[in-house]
N, C-alpha and C. Protein backbone atom coordinates (compact mmCIF):
# COMPACT_ATOMS: atom_id res chain seq x y z
N MET A 1 15.56 -57.04 -33.90
CA MET A 1 16.59 -57.47 -34.85
C MET A 1 15.99 -57.57 -36.24
N ALA A 2 16.82 -57.78 -37.24
CA ALA A 2 16.34 -57.81 -38.61
C ALA A 2 15.37 -58.95 -38.87
N ASP A 3 15.49 -60.04 -38.09
CA ASP A 3 14.62 -61.20 -38.33
C ASP A 3 13.26 -61.09 -37.67
N GLY A 4 13.04 -60.06 -36.83
CA GLY A 4 11.74 -59.88 -36.19
C GLY A 4 11.88 -59.43 -34.75
N ILE A 5 10.84 -59.67 -33.98
CA ILE A 5 10.77 -59.24 -32.58
C ILE A 5 10.98 -60.46 -31.68
N HIS A 6 11.97 -60.37 -30.80
CA HIS A 6 12.30 -61.47 -29.90
C HIS A 6 11.62 -61.27 -28.54
N LEU A 7 10.94 -62.29 -28.07
CA LEU A 7 10.31 -62.30 -26.75
C LEU A 7 11.02 -63.35 -25.92
N ILE A 8 11.67 -62.91 -24.83
CA ILE A 8 12.58 -63.80 -24.11
C ILE A 8 12.31 -63.76 -22.62
N GLY A 9 12.19 -64.95 -22.00
CA GLY A 9 12.05 -65.05 -20.56
C GLY A 9 10.76 -64.45 -20.04
N GLY A 10 10.80 -63.98 -18.78
CA GLY A 10 9.62 -63.42 -18.14
C GLY A 10 9.14 -64.30 -17.00
N THR A 11 8.12 -63.82 -16.29
CA THR A 11 7.60 -64.55 -15.14
C THR A 11 6.08 -64.57 -15.14
N PRO A 12 5.45 -65.29 -16.05
CA PRO A 12 3.99 -65.42 -16.01
C PRO A 12 3.58 -66.42 -14.92
N GLY A 13 2.64 -66.04 -14.09
CA GLY A 13 2.16 -66.96 -13.06
C GLY A 13 3.18 -67.28 -12.00
N GLY A 14 4.25 -66.47 -11.89
CA GLY A 14 5.22 -66.67 -10.82
C GLY A 14 6.36 -67.61 -11.16
N THR A 15 6.41 -68.16 -12.37
CA THR A 15 7.48 -69.06 -12.77
C THR A 15 8.38 -68.36 -13.79
N THR A 16 9.67 -68.27 -13.49
CA THR A 16 10.61 -67.63 -14.40
C THR A 16 10.89 -68.56 -15.58
N LEU A 17 10.81 -68.02 -16.80
CA LEU A 17 10.93 -68.82 -18.01
C LEU A 17 12.27 -68.63 -18.71
N ALA A 18 12.62 -69.66 -19.50
CA ALA A 18 13.78 -69.58 -20.38
C ALA A 18 13.34 -69.55 -21.84
N ASP A 19 12.04 -69.45 -22.09
CA ASP A 19 11.51 -69.48 -23.45
C ASP A 19 12.04 -68.33 -24.29
N HIS A 20 12.21 -68.60 -25.58
CA HIS A 20 12.67 -67.61 -26.54
C HIS A 20 11.82 -67.75 -27.80
N GLN A 21 10.99 -66.75 -28.05
CA GLN A 21 10.09 -66.79 -29.20
C GLN A 21 10.36 -65.62 -30.14
N LEU A 22 10.07 -65.83 -31.41
CA LEU A 22 10.30 -64.82 -32.44
C LEU A 22 8.99 -64.51 -33.16
N TYR A 23 8.68 -63.22 -33.25
CA TYR A 23 7.52 -62.79 -34.04
C TYR A 23 8.02 -62.22 -35.36
N ASN A 24 7.49 -62.74 -36.47
CA ASN A 24 7.84 -62.28 -37.81
C ASN A 24 6.72 -61.40 -38.34
N PRO A 25 6.92 -60.07 -38.40
CA PRO A 25 5.85 -59.18 -38.88
C PRO A 25 5.44 -59.46 -40.32
N ALA A 26 6.38 -59.94 -41.15
CA ALA A 26 6.07 -60.17 -42.56
C ALA A 26 5.06 -61.29 -42.74
N THR A 27 5.10 -62.30 -41.85
CA THR A 27 4.19 -63.45 -41.97
C THR A 27 3.15 -63.47 -40.86
N ASP A 28 3.23 -62.49 -39.93
CA ASP A 28 2.31 -62.45 -38.79
C ASP A 28 2.28 -63.80 -38.08
N SER A 29 3.48 -64.30 -37.74
CA SER A 29 3.56 -65.63 -37.14
C SER A 29 4.63 -65.66 -36.05
N TRP A 30 4.48 -66.60 -35.11
CA TRP A 30 5.43 -66.83 -34.03
C TRP A 30 6.15 -68.15 -34.23
N SER A 31 7.39 -68.22 -33.77
CA SER A 31 8.14 -69.47 -33.78
C SER A 31 9.05 -69.51 -32.55
N TYR A 32 9.46 -70.74 -32.18
CA TYR A 32 10.37 -70.90 -31.04
C TYR A 32 11.81 -70.94 -31.52
N LEU A 33 12.69 -70.29 -30.76
CA LEU A 33 14.12 -70.33 -31.01
C LEU A 33 14.81 -70.98 -29.81
N ALA A 34 16.14 -71.03 -29.85
CA ALA A 34 16.89 -71.66 -28.77
C ALA A 34 16.56 -71.00 -27.43
N SER A 35 16.26 -71.82 -26.44
CA SER A 35 15.91 -71.31 -25.12
C SER A 35 17.12 -70.73 -24.42
N LEU A 36 16.87 -69.82 -23.49
CA LEU A 36 17.94 -69.28 -22.66
C LEU A 36 18.66 -70.39 -21.90
N PRO A 37 19.96 -70.29 -21.70
CA PRO A 37 20.64 -71.27 -20.85
C PRO A 37 20.30 -71.11 -19.38
N ASP A 38 19.69 -69.98 -19.03
CA ASP A 38 19.33 -69.71 -17.64
C ASP A 38 18.05 -68.88 -17.65
N ALA A 39 17.00 -69.34 -16.99
CA ALA A 39 15.73 -68.61 -16.97
C ALA A 39 15.95 -67.19 -16.44
N ARG A 40 15.23 -66.23 -17.01
CA ARG A 40 15.53 -64.84 -16.70
C ARG A 40 14.27 -63.99 -16.73
N ASN A 41 14.18 -63.01 -15.82
CA ASN A 41 13.12 -62.01 -15.86
C ASN A 41 13.72 -60.66 -15.48
N ALA A 42 12.92 -59.61 -15.64
CA ALA A 42 13.33 -58.26 -15.25
C ALA A 42 14.72 -57.91 -15.76
N ALA A 43 15.02 -58.32 -17.01
CA ALA A 43 16.33 -58.09 -17.60
C ALA A 43 16.24 -57.01 -18.66
N VAL A 44 17.38 -56.43 -19.01
CA VAL A 44 17.47 -55.53 -20.15
C VAL A 44 17.99 -56.34 -21.34
N LEU A 45 17.73 -55.82 -22.53
CA LEU A 45 18.11 -56.53 -23.76
C LEU A 45 18.53 -55.50 -24.79
N GLU A 46 19.69 -55.70 -25.39
CA GLU A 46 20.17 -54.80 -26.43
C GLU A 46 20.72 -55.60 -27.60
N VAL A 47 20.72 -54.98 -28.79
CA VAL A 47 21.22 -55.62 -30.00
C VAL A 47 22.41 -54.83 -30.53
N VAL A 48 23.50 -55.54 -30.80
CA VAL A 48 24.66 -54.96 -31.47
C VAL A 48 25.06 -55.92 -32.59
N GLY A 49 25.04 -55.45 -33.83
CA GLY A 49 25.30 -56.33 -34.96
C GLY A 49 24.20 -57.37 -35.09
N ASN A 50 24.58 -58.62 -35.26
CA ASN A 50 23.59 -59.69 -35.37
C ASN A 50 23.47 -60.47 -34.08
N ARG A 51 23.89 -59.84 -32.98
CA ARG A 51 23.83 -60.50 -31.68
C ARG A 51 22.94 -59.74 -30.70
N LEU A 52 22.33 -60.49 -29.83
CA LEU A 52 21.43 -59.96 -28.82
C LEU A 52 22.09 -60.19 -27.46
N TYR A 53 22.12 -59.16 -26.62
CA TYR A 53 22.82 -59.22 -25.34
C TYR A 53 21.84 -59.01 -24.18
N ILE A 54 21.92 -59.91 -23.18
CA ILE A 54 21.10 -59.78 -21.98
C ILE A 54 22.04 -59.76 -20.76
N PRO A 55 22.37 -58.57 -20.25
CA PRO A 55 23.21 -58.48 -19.06
C PRO A 55 22.36 -58.50 -17.79
N GLY A 56 22.69 -59.40 -16.89
CA GLY A 56 22.00 -59.44 -15.61
C GLY A 56 20.55 -59.86 -15.73
N GLY A 57 19.73 -59.31 -14.84
CA GLY A 57 18.32 -59.70 -14.78
C GLY A 57 18.06 -60.60 -13.60
N GLY A 58 16.80 -60.96 -13.40
CA GLY A 58 16.42 -61.81 -12.28
C GLY A 58 16.41 -63.28 -12.67
N SER A 59 16.86 -64.13 -11.75
CA SER A 59 16.80 -65.57 -11.92
C SER A 59 16.03 -66.14 -10.73
N ASP A 60 15.92 -67.45 -10.67
CA ASP A 60 15.19 -68.06 -9.55
C ASP A 60 15.90 -67.83 -8.22
N THR A 61 17.18 -67.45 -8.26
CA THR A 61 17.93 -67.19 -7.03
C THR A 61 18.17 -65.71 -6.80
N GLY A 62 17.57 -64.84 -7.64
CA GLY A 62 17.72 -63.40 -7.46
C GLY A 62 18.51 -62.77 -8.59
N PRO A 63 18.80 -61.47 -8.49
CA PRO A 63 19.56 -60.78 -9.53
C PRO A 63 20.89 -61.45 -9.81
N THR A 64 21.28 -61.47 -11.08
CA THR A 64 22.49 -62.17 -11.50
C THR A 64 23.43 -61.23 -12.25
N ASP A 65 24.69 -61.66 -12.40
CA ASP A 65 25.67 -60.89 -13.15
C ASP A 65 25.98 -61.54 -14.50
N TRP A 66 25.30 -62.62 -14.83
CA TRP A 66 25.55 -63.31 -16.10
C TRP A 66 25.23 -62.42 -17.29
N LEU A 67 26.10 -62.47 -18.30
CA LEU A 67 25.83 -61.84 -19.59
C LEU A 67 25.55 -62.95 -20.60
N LEU A 68 24.32 -62.99 -21.11
CA LEU A 68 23.94 -63.98 -22.11
C LEU A 68 23.96 -63.34 -23.49
N ILE A 69 24.50 -64.07 -24.48
CA ILE A 69 24.66 -63.54 -25.84
C ILE A 69 24.02 -64.51 -26.82
N TYR A 70 23.10 -63.99 -27.64
CA TYR A 70 22.44 -64.82 -28.65
C TYR A 70 22.92 -64.44 -30.04
N ASP A 71 23.32 -65.46 -30.81
CA ASP A 71 23.78 -65.27 -32.18
C ASP A 71 22.65 -65.72 -33.11
N SER A 72 22.06 -64.76 -33.83
CA SER A 72 20.92 -65.08 -34.68
C SER A 72 21.33 -65.92 -35.89
N ALA A 73 22.60 -65.86 -36.28
CA ALA A 73 23.05 -66.62 -37.44
C ALA A 73 23.10 -68.11 -37.16
N THR A 74 23.34 -68.48 -35.90
CA THR A 74 23.47 -69.90 -35.54
C THR A 74 22.39 -70.38 -34.58
N ASP A 75 21.52 -69.47 -34.13
CA ASP A 75 20.48 -69.80 -33.15
C ASP A 75 21.08 -70.47 -31.91
N THR A 76 22.14 -69.84 -31.38
CA THR A 76 22.81 -70.38 -30.20
C THR A 76 23.08 -69.29 -29.18
N TRP A 77 23.16 -69.70 -27.91
CA TRP A 77 23.49 -68.80 -26.81
C TRP A 77 24.89 -69.09 -26.31
N SER A 78 25.56 -68.05 -25.83
CA SER A 78 26.85 -68.18 -25.16
C SER A 78 26.88 -67.18 -24.01
N THR A 79 27.93 -67.21 -23.22
CA THR A 79 28.07 -66.25 -22.12
C THR A 79 29.27 -65.35 -22.38
N GLY A 80 29.15 -64.10 -21.94
CA GLY A 80 30.25 -63.16 -22.03
C GLY A 80 30.78 -62.84 -20.64
N ALA A 81 31.63 -61.84 -20.55
CA ALA A 81 32.18 -61.43 -19.27
C ALA A 81 31.06 -61.01 -18.32
N SER A 82 31.15 -61.46 -17.09
CA SER A 82 30.11 -61.15 -16.10
C SER A 82 30.07 -59.65 -15.81
N MET A 83 28.86 -59.15 -15.60
CA MET A 83 28.68 -57.74 -15.26
C MET A 83 29.25 -57.49 -13.85
N PRO A 84 29.98 -56.39 -13.63
CA PRO A 84 30.56 -56.14 -12.31
C PRO A 84 29.53 -56.06 -11.19
N THR A 85 28.35 -55.51 -11.50
CA THR A 85 27.32 -55.34 -10.47
C THR A 85 26.11 -56.22 -10.81
N PRO A 86 25.90 -57.34 -10.09
CA PRO A 86 24.71 -58.16 -10.33
C PRO A 86 23.45 -57.35 -10.05
N ARG A 87 22.47 -57.42 -10.97
CA ARG A 87 21.26 -56.63 -10.75
C ARG A 87 20.15 -57.05 -11.71
N ALA A 88 18.95 -56.67 -11.31
CA ALA A 88 17.75 -56.80 -12.14
C ALA A 88 17.06 -55.45 -12.17
N GLU A 89 16.07 -55.30 -13.04
CA GLU A 89 15.26 -54.07 -13.11
C GLU A 89 16.11 -52.83 -13.37
N ALA A 90 17.11 -52.97 -14.25
CA ALA A 90 17.94 -51.84 -14.67
C ALA A 90 17.36 -51.26 -15.95
N THR A 91 18.05 -50.30 -16.53
CA THR A 91 17.74 -49.81 -17.87
C THR A 91 19.03 -49.79 -18.67
N SER A 92 18.93 -49.74 -19.99
CA SER A 92 20.13 -49.84 -20.81
C SER A 92 19.97 -49.09 -22.13
N ALA A 93 21.09 -48.91 -22.82
CA ALA A 93 21.09 -48.26 -24.12
C ALA A 93 22.38 -48.61 -24.85
N VAL A 94 22.37 -48.44 -26.17
CA VAL A 94 23.57 -48.65 -26.98
C VAL A 94 24.01 -47.32 -27.57
N ILE A 95 25.29 -46.99 -27.38
CA ILE A 95 25.89 -45.80 -27.97
C ILE A 95 27.21 -46.21 -28.60
N ASP A 96 27.36 -45.95 -29.90
CA ASP A 96 28.59 -46.27 -30.61
C ASP A 96 29.00 -47.73 -30.45
N GLY A 97 28.01 -48.62 -30.50
CA GLY A 97 28.30 -50.04 -30.45
C GLY A 97 28.63 -50.60 -29.09
N LYS A 98 28.48 -49.79 -28.04
CA LYS A 98 28.73 -50.25 -26.68
C LYS A 98 27.44 -50.19 -25.87
N ILE A 99 27.30 -51.10 -24.91
CA ILE A 99 26.08 -51.23 -24.12
C ILE A 99 26.27 -50.60 -22.75
N TYR A 100 25.37 -49.69 -22.39
CA TYR A 100 25.39 -49.04 -21.09
C TYR A 100 24.24 -49.57 -20.24
N VAL A 101 24.54 -49.94 -18.99
CA VAL A 101 23.52 -50.46 -18.07
C VAL A 101 23.53 -49.58 -16.82
N ALA A 102 22.36 -49.04 -16.46
CA ALA A 102 22.27 -48.10 -15.35
C ALA A 102 21.19 -48.52 -14.36
N GLY A 103 21.47 -48.29 -13.07
CA GLY A 103 20.48 -48.53 -12.03
C GLY A 103 20.14 -49.99 -11.85
N GLY A 104 19.01 -50.23 -11.17
CA GLY A 104 18.54 -51.59 -10.95
C GLY A 104 18.43 -51.94 -9.48
N ARG A 105 18.15 -53.23 -9.25
CA ARG A 105 17.98 -53.77 -7.89
C ARG A 105 19.06 -54.81 -7.64
N LEU A 106 19.78 -54.65 -6.52
CA LEU A 106 20.86 -55.56 -6.15
C LEU A 106 20.31 -56.84 -5.52
N PRO A 107 21.15 -57.88 -5.35
CA PRO A 107 20.68 -59.11 -4.72
C PRO A 107 20.13 -58.92 -3.31
N ASN A 108 20.59 -57.89 -2.61
CA ASN A 108 20.07 -57.62 -1.26
C ASN A 108 18.78 -56.79 -1.27
N GLY A 109 18.26 -56.49 -2.47
CA GLY A 109 17.01 -55.74 -2.58
C GLY A 109 17.18 -54.24 -2.61
N ILE A 110 18.41 -53.75 -2.45
CA ILE A 110 18.67 -52.31 -2.42
C ILE A 110 18.79 -51.79 -3.85
N GLN A 111 18.30 -50.56 -4.07
CA GLN A 111 18.47 -49.92 -5.37
C GLN A 111 19.91 -49.48 -5.55
N THR A 112 20.37 -49.50 -6.81
CA THR A 112 21.75 -49.10 -7.09
C THR A 112 21.79 -47.93 -8.08
N ALA A 113 22.88 -47.17 -8.02
CA ALA A 113 23.11 -46.07 -8.96
C ALA A 113 24.19 -46.45 -9.98
N ALA A 114 24.65 -47.68 -9.96
CA ALA A 114 25.79 -48.10 -10.79
C ALA A 114 25.52 -47.91 -12.28
N LEU A 115 26.54 -47.42 -12.98
CA LEU A 115 26.54 -47.35 -14.44
C LEU A 115 27.76 -48.10 -14.93
N GLU A 116 27.54 -49.08 -15.82
CA GLU A 116 28.63 -49.86 -16.37
C GLU A 116 28.46 -50.01 -17.88
N ARG A 117 29.60 -50.09 -18.58
CA ARG A 117 29.59 -50.16 -20.04
C ARG A 117 30.24 -51.46 -20.50
N TYR A 118 29.56 -52.13 -21.44
CA TYR A 118 30.11 -53.36 -22.02
C TYR A 118 30.52 -53.12 -23.46
N ASP A 119 31.73 -53.56 -23.79
CA ASP A 119 32.25 -53.44 -25.15
C ASP A 119 32.26 -54.83 -25.78
N PRO A 120 31.34 -55.10 -26.73
CA PRO A 120 31.30 -56.43 -27.36
C PRO A 120 32.58 -56.78 -28.09
N ALA A 121 33.30 -55.77 -28.58
CA ALA A 121 34.51 -56.04 -29.35
C ALA A 121 35.62 -56.65 -28.49
N THR A 122 35.65 -56.29 -27.20
CA THR A 122 36.69 -56.78 -26.30
C THR A 122 36.15 -57.67 -25.20
N ASP A 123 34.82 -57.88 -25.17
CA ASP A 123 34.16 -58.67 -24.12
C ASP A 123 34.62 -58.19 -22.74
N SER A 124 34.49 -56.88 -22.50
CA SER A 124 34.96 -56.32 -21.25
C SER A 124 34.00 -55.25 -20.73
N TRP A 125 34.00 -55.09 -19.41
CA TRP A 125 33.15 -54.10 -18.74
C TRP A 125 34.00 -52.97 -18.16
N THR A 126 33.41 -51.77 -18.10
CA THR A 126 34.05 -50.61 -17.48
C THR A 126 33.05 -49.94 -16.56
N ALA A 127 33.46 -49.67 -15.32
CA ALA A 127 32.62 -48.91 -14.39
C ALA A 127 32.75 -47.43 -14.70
N LEU A 128 31.61 -46.74 -14.75
CA LEU A 128 31.57 -45.33 -15.10
C LEU A 128 30.94 -44.52 -13.96
N ALA A 129 30.83 -43.21 -14.17
CA ALA A 129 30.24 -42.35 -13.14
C ALA A 129 28.82 -42.81 -12.81
N PRO A 130 28.50 -43.06 -11.55
CA PRO A 130 27.16 -43.55 -11.19
C PRO A 130 26.09 -42.49 -11.38
N LEU A 131 24.85 -42.95 -11.48
CA LEU A 131 23.72 -42.03 -11.49
C LEU A 131 23.76 -41.09 -10.30
N PRO A 132 23.21 -39.88 -10.43
CA PRO A 132 23.16 -38.98 -9.28
C PRO A 132 22.39 -39.55 -8.10
N ALA A 133 21.47 -40.50 -8.36
CA ALA A 133 20.70 -41.13 -7.29
C ALA A 133 20.36 -42.55 -7.72
N PRO A 134 20.25 -43.50 -6.77
CA PRO A 134 19.89 -44.86 -7.12
C PRO A 134 18.50 -44.91 -7.77
N ARG A 135 18.34 -45.81 -8.73
CA ARG A 135 17.06 -45.96 -9.41
C ARG A 135 16.80 -47.43 -9.73
N GLN A 136 15.58 -47.87 -9.47
CA GLN A 136 15.13 -49.23 -9.79
C GLN A 136 13.95 -49.15 -10.75
N SER A 137 13.98 -49.96 -11.80
CA SER A 137 12.93 -49.99 -12.82
C SER A 137 12.72 -48.64 -13.50
N PRO A 138 13.81 -47.90 -13.82
CA PRO A 138 13.62 -46.65 -14.55
C PRO A 138 13.45 -46.92 -16.04
N GLY A 139 13.09 -45.89 -16.80
CA GLY A 139 13.14 -45.95 -18.25
C GLY A 139 14.45 -45.36 -18.72
N GLY A 140 14.77 -45.59 -19.99
CA GLY A 140 16.01 -45.03 -20.51
C GLY A 140 16.06 -45.09 -22.03
N GLY A 141 16.80 -44.16 -22.62
CA GLY A 141 16.96 -44.13 -24.07
C GLY A 141 18.03 -43.13 -24.45
N VAL A 142 18.30 -43.02 -25.74
CA VAL A 142 19.37 -42.16 -26.24
C VAL A 142 18.81 -41.01 -27.05
N ILE A 143 19.27 -39.80 -26.72
CA ILE A 143 18.97 -38.59 -27.48
C ILE A 143 20.27 -37.83 -27.72
N ASP A 144 20.57 -37.54 -28.98
CA ASP A 144 21.77 -36.75 -29.32
C ASP A 144 23.03 -37.31 -28.68
N GLY A 145 23.14 -38.64 -28.64
CA GLY A 145 24.32 -39.27 -28.08
C GLY A 145 24.38 -39.32 -26.57
N LEU A 146 23.31 -38.88 -25.89
CA LEU A 146 23.24 -38.92 -24.43
C LEU A 146 22.33 -40.05 -23.98
N PHE A 147 22.71 -40.76 -22.94
CA PHE A 147 21.91 -41.82 -22.34
C PHE A 147 21.07 -41.19 -21.24
N CYS A 148 19.77 -41.05 -21.50
CA CYS A 148 18.87 -40.40 -20.54
C CYS A 148 18.07 -41.44 -19.77
N VAL A 149 18.10 -41.33 -18.44
CA VAL A 149 17.44 -42.26 -17.53
C VAL A 149 16.39 -41.48 -16.75
N PHE A 150 15.17 -42.01 -16.70
CA PHE A 150 14.09 -41.24 -16.07
C PHE A 150 13.16 -42.15 -15.28
N GLY A 151 12.49 -41.53 -14.28
CA GLY A 151 11.54 -42.26 -13.45
C GLY A 151 12.23 -43.27 -12.56
N GLY A 152 11.46 -44.26 -12.12
CA GLY A 152 11.99 -45.30 -11.26
C GLY A 152 11.06 -45.59 -10.10
N ARG A 153 11.21 -46.78 -9.53
CA ARG A 153 10.37 -47.19 -8.39
C ARG A 153 10.49 -46.17 -7.27
N GLY A 154 9.33 -45.79 -6.72
CA GLY A 154 9.27 -44.70 -5.76
C GLY A 154 8.69 -43.45 -6.40
N ASP A 155 8.23 -43.63 -7.67
CA ASP A 155 7.58 -42.53 -8.42
C ASP A 155 8.49 -41.31 -8.54
N HIS A 156 9.73 -41.56 -8.92
CA HIS A 156 10.67 -40.46 -9.12
C HIS A 156 10.40 -39.77 -10.46
N PRO A 157 10.37 -38.44 -10.49
CA PRO A 157 10.12 -37.73 -11.75
C PRO A 157 11.39 -37.30 -12.48
N GLU A 158 12.55 -37.39 -11.82
CA GLU A 158 13.77 -36.82 -12.38
C GLU A 158 14.24 -37.55 -13.64
N THR A 159 14.90 -36.79 -14.50
CA THR A 159 15.60 -37.32 -15.67
C THR A 159 17.07 -36.96 -15.56
N TYR A 160 17.94 -37.95 -15.71
CA TYR A 160 19.38 -37.73 -15.69
C TYR A 160 19.95 -38.19 -17.03
N CYS A 161 20.80 -37.37 -17.65
CA CYS A 161 21.37 -37.69 -18.95
C CYS A 161 22.89 -37.81 -18.85
N TYR A 162 23.41 -38.94 -19.35
CA TYR A 162 24.83 -39.25 -19.27
C TYR A 162 25.52 -38.95 -20.59
N ASP A 163 26.65 -38.26 -20.50
CA ASP A 163 27.46 -37.92 -21.66
C ASP A 163 28.70 -38.81 -21.68
N PRO A 164 28.80 -39.73 -22.64
CA PRO A 164 29.97 -40.63 -22.69
C PRO A 164 31.29 -39.89 -22.92
N ASP A 165 31.24 -38.73 -23.54
CA ASP A 165 32.46 -37.98 -23.83
C ASP A 165 33.10 -37.39 -22.57
N THR A 166 32.26 -37.05 -21.60
CA THR A 166 32.77 -36.43 -20.37
C THR A 166 32.62 -37.31 -19.14
N ASN A 167 31.97 -38.49 -19.31
CA ASN A 167 31.70 -39.39 -18.19
C ASN A 167 31.02 -38.64 -17.05
N SER A 168 29.96 -37.91 -17.40
CA SER A 168 29.26 -37.10 -16.40
C SER A 168 27.76 -37.07 -16.69
N TRP A 169 26.99 -36.78 -15.64
CA TRP A 169 25.53 -36.70 -15.72
C TRP A 169 25.07 -35.26 -15.61
N SER A 170 23.97 -34.95 -16.26
CA SER A 170 23.31 -33.65 -16.11
C SER A 170 21.82 -33.88 -15.92
N ASN A 171 21.14 -32.85 -15.43
CA ASN A 171 19.70 -32.95 -15.21
C ASN A 171 18.94 -32.68 -16.51
N GLY A 172 17.94 -33.50 -16.78
CA GLY A 172 17.05 -33.28 -17.90
C GLY A 172 15.68 -32.87 -17.40
N PRO A 173 14.70 -32.70 -18.30
CA PRO A 173 13.35 -32.32 -17.89
C PRO A 173 12.71 -33.39 -17.00
N VAL A 174 11.98 -32.97 -15.98
CA VAL A 174 11.30 -33.93 -15.11
C VAL A 174 10.11 -34.52 -15.85
N MET A 175 9.76 -35.75 -15.52
CA MET A 175 8.59 -36.39 -16.12
C MET A 175 7.31 -35.69 -15.67
N LEU A 176 6.34 -35.61 -16.54
CA LEU A 176 5.04 -35.05 -16.16
C LEU A 176 4.29 -36.01 -15.25
N THR A 177 4.49 -37.32 -15.48
CA THR A 177 3.85 -38.35 -14.65
C THR A 177 4.93 -39.27 -14.10
N PRO A 178 5.36 -39.08 -12.85
CA PRO A 178 6.38 -39.96 -12.26
C PRO A 178 5.88 -41.40 -12.24
N ARG A 179 6.75 -42.35 -12.62
CA ARG A 179 6.34 -43.75 -12.71
C ARG A 179 7.54 -44.65 -12.90
N PHE A 180 7.28 -45.97 -12.91
CA PHE A 180 8.33 -46.95 -13.14
C PHE A 180 7.75 -48.10 -13.96
N GLU A 181 8.65 -49.01 -14.39
CA GLU A 181 8.25 -50.13 -15.25
C GLU A 181 7.51 -49.65 -16.50
N THR A 182 7.97 -48.55 -17.06
CA THR A 182 7.36 -48.02 -18.27
C THR A 182 8.02 -48.62 -19.50
N ALA A 183 7.25 -48.79 -20.57
CA ALA A 183 7.82 -49.19 -21.86
C ALA A 183 8.43 -47.96 -22.51
N VAL A 184 9.52 -48.16 -23.24
CA VAL A 184 10.24 -47.04 -23.84
C VAL A 184 10.49 -47.32 -25.31
N ALA A 185 10.29 -46.31 -26.15
CA ALA A 185 10.59 -46.42 -27.58
C ALA A 185 11.35 -45.17 -28.02
N GLU A 186 12.34 -45.35 -28.88
CA GLU A 186 13.07 -44.25 -29.49
C GLU A 186 12.63 -44.12 -30.94
N PHE A 187 12.25 -42.90 -31.34
CA PHE A 187 11.79 -42.69 -32.71
C PHE A 187 11.99 -41.24 -33.10
N GLY A 188 12.62 -41.02 -34.25
CA GLY A 188 12.78 -39.67 -34.75
C GLY A 188 13.56 -38.74 -33.84
N GLY A 189 14.55 -39.29 -33.12
CA GLY A 189 15.35 -38.46 -32.24
C GLY A 189 14.66 -38.10 -30.95
N LYS A 190 13.56 -38.77 -30.62
CA LYS A 190 12.82 -38.52 -29.39
C LYS A 190 12.63 -39.83 -28.63
N ILE A 191 12.35 -39.72 -27.33
CA ILE A 191 12.09 -40.89 -26.49
C ILE A 191 10.65 -40.84 -26.02
N TYR A 192 9.95 -41.95 -26.17
CA TYR A 192 8.56 -42.05 -25.73
C TYR A 192 8.47 -42.98 -24.53
N ALA A 193 7.86 -42.49 -23.45
CA ALA A 193 7.59 -43.30 -22.26
C ALA A 193 6.12 -43.70 -22.30
N ILE A 194 5.88 -45.00 -22.33
CA ILE A 194 4.54 -45.53 -22.60
C ILE A 194 4.06 -46.36 -21.41
N GLY A 195 2.97 -45.94 -20.79
CA GLY A 195 2.39 -46.70 -19.70
C GLY A 195 3.31 -46.79 -18.50
N GLY A 196 3.22 -47.91 -17.79
CA GLY A 196 3.98 -48.12 -16.57
C GLY A 196 3.07 -48.23 -15.37
N ARG A 197 3.62 -48.00 -14.21
CA ARG A 197 2.84 -48.06 -12.97
C ARG A 197 3.38 -47.06 -11.97
N THR A 198 2.58 -46.77 -10.97
CA THR A 198 2.99 -45.91 -9.87
C THR A 198 2.82 -46.70 -8.57
N GLY A 199 3.24 -46.09 -7.48
CA GLY A 199 3.08 -46.76 -6.20
C GLY A 199 1.63 -46.99 -5.84
N ALA A 200 0.73 -46.17 -6.39
CA ALA A 200 -0.68 -46.28 -6.05
C ALA A 200 -1.51 -46.97 -7.12
N VAL A 201 -1.02 -46.99 -8.37
CA VAL A 201 -1.80 -47.53 -9.49
C VAL A 201 -0.99 -48.63 -10.18
N LEU A 202 -1.61 -49.81 -10.34
CA LEU A 202 -0.90 -50.95 -10.91
C LEU A 202 -0.50 -50.74 -12.35
N SER A 203 -1.34 -50.06 -13.12
CA SER A 203 -0.98 -49.77 -14.51
C SER A 203 -1.64 -48.47 -14.95
N ILE A 204 -0.91 -47.69 -15.76
CA ILE A 204 -1.44 -46.42 -16.24
C ILE A 204 -1.33 -46.39 -17.76
N ASP A 205 -2.11 -45.49 -18.40
CA ASP A 205 -2.14 -45.43 -19.86
C ASP A 205 -1.49 -44.15 -20.41
N VAL A 206 -0.69 -43.49 -19.60
CA VAL A 206 -0.09 -42.21 -19.98
C VAL A 206 1.08 -42.42 -20.95
N VAL A 207 1.13 -41.60 -21.99
CA VAL A 207 2.28 -41.57 -22.91
C VAL A 207 2.89 -40.18 -22.91
N GLU A 208 4.19 -40.11 -22.70
CA GLU A 208 4.89 -38.83 -22.70
C GLU A 208 6.12 -38.90 -23.60
N ARG A 209 6.53 -37.76 -24.13
CA ARG A 209 7.68 -37.71 -25.03
C ARG A 209 8.75 -36.79 -24.47
N LEU A 210 9.99 -37.25 -24.54
CA LEU A 210 11.14 -36.44 -24.14
C LEU A 210 11.78 -35.84 -25.37
N ARG A 211 11.85 -34.51 -25.42
CA ARG A 211 12.37 -33.69 -26.50
C ARG A 211 11.33 -33.51 -27.62
């Protein structure tokens, strides 16, 4: 967000946190902000306007459908419409001011292919065409208006790209290094997959670029 980098929740040492911290690059300093109303881990986070949205994620009782909304102008949290599919370890992206959430892990531990879209303007969810295959802990980002989802637990190499105009998926280039729990950055019209892990290796240092 414009005010800096938000670090929210997580599970250090096995305890799920509700902490909310802000890093200010201009002053190279950290500060505490309003804590989450519900401790959360393995969640996705997106920004639309001056608000930060956290749909789903893991809680102490498992994956949840809660949508948490943070208003940076008032340093307060509120809840929005619940996500139709409770899940953690999903991936997400923003296209035209709407939030897309794909894949993840259901409360029963099963991977899901669900794709759902949240419209902040109407506080409503829409179910869309599911991923071609279930994916847990995939990466994801936007290229040329397409939501591209890649990798996932089980060392999947496939990339699937969703077109909001046609509500359909197509195949993209396969990853050179199949992995999951990778960090993702969008820059200059490209998507960078940074690090992650495989079924055999706890952490890897590979960086790959899509497009």
